[in-house]
Protein backbone atom coordinates (compact mmCIF):
# COMPACT_ATOMS: atom_id res chain seq x y z
CA MET A 1 -60.87 0.17 -58.90
CA PRO A 2 -57.74 -1.92 -59.72
CA ALA A 3 -59.93 -4.93 -60.59
CA ARG A 4 -61.88 -2.85 -63.09
CA LEU A 5 -59.90 -3.99 -66.15
CA ALA A 6 -60.37 -7.64 -65.22
CA LEU A 7 -64.15 -7.20 -65.12
CA LEU A 8 -64.58 -5.59 -68.53
CA ALA A 9 -67.01 -7.11 -71.00
CA ASP A 10 -66.09 -7.23 -74.71
CA ASP A 11 -67.27 -3.63 -75.16
CA GLY A 12 -65.51 -2.54 -71.96
CA LEU A 13 -62.65 -0.76 -73.70
CA SER A 14 -65.09 1.92 -74.85
CA GLN A 15 -66.19 2.73 -71.28
CA PRO A 16 -65.48 6.15 -69.71
CA GLY A 17 -62.22 6.11 -67.78
CA ILE A 18 -60.61 3.38 -69.89
CA VAL A 19 -57.81 4.63 -72.14
CA VAL A 20 -56.29 2.63 -74.99
CA LYS A 21 -53.00 3.83 -76.49
CA THR A 22 -50.87 2.44 -79.29
CA SER A 23 -47.21 3.30 -79.76
CA SER A 24 -44.07 1.99 -81.36
CA PRO A 25 -41.12 2.99 -79.16
CA LYS A 26 -37.65 2.29 -80.51
CA GLY A 27 -34.60 1.69 -78.32
CA GLU A 28 -31.17 2.70 -79.60
CA HIS A 29 -29.94 -0.76 -80.58
CA GLU A 30 -33.18 -2.74 -80.76
CA ARG A 31 -33.47 -5.04 -83.77
CA LEU A 32 -37.18 -5.87 -83.53
CA PRO A 33 -40.03 -3.44 -84.13
CA ASN A 34 -41.90 -2.74 -80.90
CA PRO A 35 -45.58 -2.00 -81.55
CA THR A 36 -47.31 -1.77 -78.18
CA LEU A 37 -50.94 -1.62 -77.05
CA ALA A 38 -51.53 -0.17 -73.59
CA VAL A 39 -54.85 -0.26 -71.73
CA THR A 40 -55.31 1.67 -68.49
CA ASP A 41 -57.99 2.70 -66.04
CA GLY A 42 -55.71 5.29 -64.44
CA SER A 43 -54.40 3.05 -61.67
CA VAL A 44 -53.53 -0.17 -63.53
CA THR A 45 -51.88 -0.32 -66.97
CA VAL A 46 -51.54 -3.48 -69.02
CA LYS A 47 -49.18 -3.45 -72.02
CA PHE A 48 -49.26 -5.96 -74.84
CA HIS A 49 -46.19 -6.63 -77.01
CA PRO A 50 -45.95 -8.94 -80.05
CA TRP A 51 -42.68 -10.65 -79.05
CA SER A 52 -41.91 -13.18 -76.33
CA ILE A 53 -38.93 -12.66 -74.04
CA GLU A 54 -37.21 -15.58 -75.79
CA GLN A 55 -37.61 -13.92 -79.21
CA ILE A 56 -36.25 -10.63 -77.93
CA VAL A 57 -33.19 -12.26 -76.33
CA ALA A 58 -32.52 -14.30 -79.49
CA SER A 59 -32.69 -11.18 -81.67
CA GLU A 60 -30.25 -9.33 -79.41
CA GLN A 61 -27.78 -12.24 -79.51
CA ALA A 62 -27.97 -12.68 -83.30
CA ASP A 63 -24.68 -10.87 -83.99
CA THR A 64 -22.69 -12.00 -80.95
């Protein structure tokens, strides 16, 4: 079952048991917006974020 997400065809996200969730969590002092797409089959969750680690670190150091 954990390999299930890796084997999905293009229409795989619409299969039973696959859940897609969007959110935009906000930390207390975060400067960047954080839209997130999460895909799960119940045992493995993959989250996609629009920013690289380098961009996040640079934004947090902008005022230091």
